[in-house]
């Protein structure tokens, strides 16, 4: 690698690339494990409020457009590609002090790519984490969804945090 490429990974938001790889590997390994060990729809209770349940999501979040007839697969694939590229470019422009924003974007990119891999390989996203309480059931989700959610929360937190570069310029 050239010095410029090394610098991008050391000094930009991409210094957290290892986290994206870790999330992607964990996401894909757990999905393969679920596919190989569960029948579609099979559910195993692990806690009184938590099951492993093999589900397929043909839509987006909360199965949005899940029954749209197939065209949504390509729409969501395209959106995931565009968002991943845009956020990856943004990561190269972040400064070292912008760690919350960097972590947020890395997690969102990793989650988007994890679900993109599923859509490309299977035509749907493999979900298996099922949280519920009595009659209330949260939609089944996966590790990629967790990464996207945590990334979004960090993004919101960062948006309410003071800009460190502005503070240092005012001193």
Protein backbone atom coordinates (compact mmCIF):
# COMPACT_ATOMS: atom_id res chain seq x y z
CA UNK A 1 0.00 0.00 0.00
CA UNK A 2 1.11 3.52 -0.66
CA UNK A 3 1.63 6.09 2.07
CA UNK A 4 -1.58 7.89 1.05
CA UNK A 5 -3.67 4.74 1.36
CA UNK A 6 -2.16 3.94 4.77
CA UNK A 7 -2.84 7.53 5.86
CA UNK A 8 -6.52 7.23 4.87
CA UNK A 9 -6.88 4.15 7.06
CA UNK A 10 -4.95 5.65 10.00
CA UNK A 11 -6.23 9.20 10.02
CA UNK A 12 -9.79 9.01 8.67
CA UNK A 13 -12.97 7.29 9.75
CA UNK A 14 -11.67 4.14 8.07
CA UNK A 15 -9.39 3.46 11.03
CA UNK A 16 -12.37 1.43 12.31
CA UNK A 17 -12.40 -0.81 9.19
CA UNK A 18 -11.65 -3.78 11.44
CA UNK A 19 -15.05 -3.29 13.11
CA UNK A 20 -16.83 -3.44 9.74
CA UNK A 21 -15.03 -6.70 8.93
CA UNK A 22 -15.86 -8.12 12.39
CA UNK A 23 -19.56 -7.24 12.03
CA UNK A 24 -19.73 -8.65 8.48
CA UNK A 25 -18.07 -11.93 9.47
CA UNK A 26 -20.26 -12.36 12.56
CA UNK A 27 -23.38 -11.49 10.55
CA UNK A 28 -22.65 -13.89 7.70
CA UNK A 29 -21.46 -16.76 9.92
CA UNK A 30 -24.58 -16.58 12.10
CA UNK A 31 -26.84 -16.50 9.04
CA UNK A 32 -25.12 -19.53 7.50
CA UNK A 33 -25.44 -21.33 10.84
CA UNK A 34 -29.17 -20.55 10.99
CA UNK A 35 -29.75 -21.69 7.38
CA UNK A 36 -27.87 -24.95 8.01
CA UNK A 37 -29.42 -25.76 11.38
CA UNK A 38 -33.00 -24.50 11.26
CA UNK A 39 -36.01 -25.17 9.09
CA UNK A 40 -37.68 -22.03 7.80
CA UNK A 41 -40.03 -20.81 10.56
CA UNK A 42 -38.43 -23.00 13.24
CA UNK A 43 -38.07 -21.31 16.59
CA UNK A 44 -36.16 -22.21 19.76
CA UNK A 45 -36.80 -20.36 22.99
CA UNK A 46 -33.58 -19.22 24.68
CA UNK A 47 -35.10 -16.91 27.28
CA UNK A 48 -38.69 -16.13 28.29
CA UNK A 49 -38.49 -13.04 26.03
CA UNK A 50 -36.04 -14.17 23.34
CA UNK A 51 -36.09 -16.85 20.63
CA UNK A 52 -33.93 -17.91 17.72
CA UNK A 53 -36.50 -17.93 14.90
CA UNK A 54 -35.53 -18.49 11.26
CA UNK A 55 -37.36 -15.88 9.19
CA UNK A 56 -36.91 -14.41 5.73
CA UNK A 57 -37.40 -10.74 4.98
CA UNK A 58 -38.12 -9.99 1.33
CA UNK A 59 -38.64 -6.30 2.06
CA UNK A 60 -36.82 -3.61 4.00
CA UNK A 61 -37.07 -2.74 7.69
CA UNK A 62 -40.10 -4.37 9.34
CA UNK A 63 -40.76 -6.21 6.03
CA UNK A 64 -41.68 -2.94 4.29
CA UNK A 65 -42.67 -3.89 0.70
CA UNK A 66 -42.03 -7.54 1.54
CA UNK A 67 -44.95 -8.68 -0.61
CA UNK A 68 -44.35 -6.33 -3.55
CA UNK A 69 -43.68 -9.09 -6.08
CA UNK A 70 -39.87 -9.19 -6.37
CA UNK A 71 -38.92 -5.80 -7.83
CA UNK A 72 -38.15 -4.53 -4.31
CA UNK A 73 -35.14 -6.87 -4.12
CA UNK A 74 -33.40 -4.81 -6.80
CA UNK A 75 -34.55 -1.48 -5.34
CA UNK A 76 -33.16 -2.32 -1.89
CA UNK A 77 -30.00 -3.78 -3.43
CA UNK A 78 -29.44 -0.54 -5.35
CA UNK A 79 -30.12 1.60 -2.30
CA UNK A 80 -27.68 -0.48 -0.21
CA UNK A 81 -24.96 -0.13 -2.86
CA UNK A 82 -25.42 3.66 -3.20
CA UNK A 83 -25.60 4.24 0.56
CA UNK A 84 -22.54 2.05 1.21
CA UNK A 85 -20.50 3.89 -1.40
CA UNK A 86 -21.61 7.33 -0.20
CA UNK A 87 -20.90 6.53 3.46
CA UNK A 88 -17.54 4.97 2.54
CA UNK A 89 -16.51 8.16 0.74
CA UNK A 90 -17.71 10.21 3.71
CA UNK A 91 -15.57 8.05 6.03
CA UNK A 92 -12.43 8.98 4.08
CA UNK A 93 -13.11 12.68 4.77
CA UNK A 94 -13.62 12.41 8.55
CA UNK A 95 -10.99 13.61 10.98
CA UNK A 96 -9.51 11.48 13.73
CA UNK A 97 -11.48 13.35 16.44
CA UNK A 98 -14.80 12.41 14.83
CA UNK A 99 -14.83 8.94 16.36
CA UNK A 100 -18.59 8.73 17.08
CA UNK A 101 -19.48 9.66 13.53
CA UNK A 102 -16.82 7.30 12.19
CA UNK A 103 -18.11 4.38 14.27
CA UNK A 104 -21.69 5.20 13.27
CA UNK A 105 -20.92 5.17 9.56
CA UNK A 106 -18.75 2.04 9.75
CA UNK A 107 -21.54 0.15 11.54
CA UNK A 108 -24.18 1.33 9.06
CA UNK A 109 -21.98 0.35 6.09
CA UNK A 110 -21.25 -3.07 7.60
CA UNK A 111 -24.92 -3.72 8.27
CA UNK A 112 -25.98 -2.55 4.83
CA UNK A 113 -23.38 -4.78 3.17
CA UNK A 114 -24.36 -7.74 5.36
CA UNK A 115 -27.98 -7.50 4.25
CA UNK A 116 -26.89 -6.73 0.68
CA UNK A 117 -24.99 -10.03 0.59
CA UNK A 118 -28.17 -11.85 1.65
CA UNK A 119 -30.31 -10.15 -1.00
CA UNK A 120 -27.70 -10.98 -3.64
CA UNK A 121 -27.28 -14.64 -2.60
CA UNK A 122 -30.79 -15.61 -1.53
CA UNK A 123 -33.19 -12.92 -2.73
CA UNK A 124 -34.15 -12.15 0.88
CA UNK A 125 -32.50 -11.23 4.19
CA UNK A 126 -32.01 -13.98 6.75
CA UNK A 127 -33.36 -12.95 10.17
CA UNK A 128 -33.26 -14.96 13.38
CA UNK A 129 -33.24 -12.78 16.53
CA UNK A 130 -36.76 -12.62 17.95
CA UNK A 131 -37.61 -10.45 20.97
CA UNK A 132 -41.10 -10.52 22.46
CA UNK A 133 -43.10 -10.03 25.62
CA UNK A 134 -46.39 -11.85 26.14
CA UNK A 135 -48.46 -10.99 23.01
CA UNK A 136 -46.10 -8.24 21.76
CA UNK A 137 -43.51 -9.33 19.18
CA UNK A 138 -40.75 -7.18 17.73
CA UNK A 139 -39.99 -8.04 14.09
CA UNK A 140 -37.31 -10.73 13.75
CA UNK A 141 -33.89 -9.21 12.96
CA UNK A 142 -30.19 -10.08 12.56
CA UNK A 143 -26.70 -8.85 13.45
CA UNK A 144 -26.55 -6.54 10.41
CA UNK A 145 -29.78 -4.90 11.61
CA UNK A 146 -28.24 -4.47 15.07
CA UNK A 147 -25.19 -2.77 13.53
CA UNK A 148 -27.39 -0.41 11.51
CA UNK A 149 -29.48 0.44 14.59
CA UNK A 150 -26.44 1.06 16.80
CA UNK A 151 -24.88 3.11 13.99
CA UNK A 152 -28.04 5.20 13.67
CA UNK A 153 -28.10 5.79 17.44
CA UNK A 154 -24.44 6.90 17.34
CA UNK A 155 -25.27 9.17 14.40
CA UNK A 156 -28.04 10.83 16.43
CA UNK A 157 -25.78 11.11 19.50
CA UNK A 158 -23.04 12.64 17.36
CA UNK A 159 -25.46 15.17 15.89
CA UNK A 160 -26.14 16.50 19.40
CA UNK A 161 -22.46 16.55 20.39
CA UNK A 162 -20.34 19.67 20.08
CA UNK A 163 -18.07 19.83 17.02
CA UNK A 164 -14.55 19.30 18.40
CA UNK A 165 -12.88 20.99 15.44
CA UNK A 166 -14.89 24.19 16.01
CA UNK A 167 -14.04 24.19 19.72
CA UNK A 168 -10.31 23.87 19.03
CA UNK A 169 -10.46 26.68 16.45
CA UNK A 170 -12.09 29.06 18.96
CA UNK A 171 -9.35 28.61 21.57
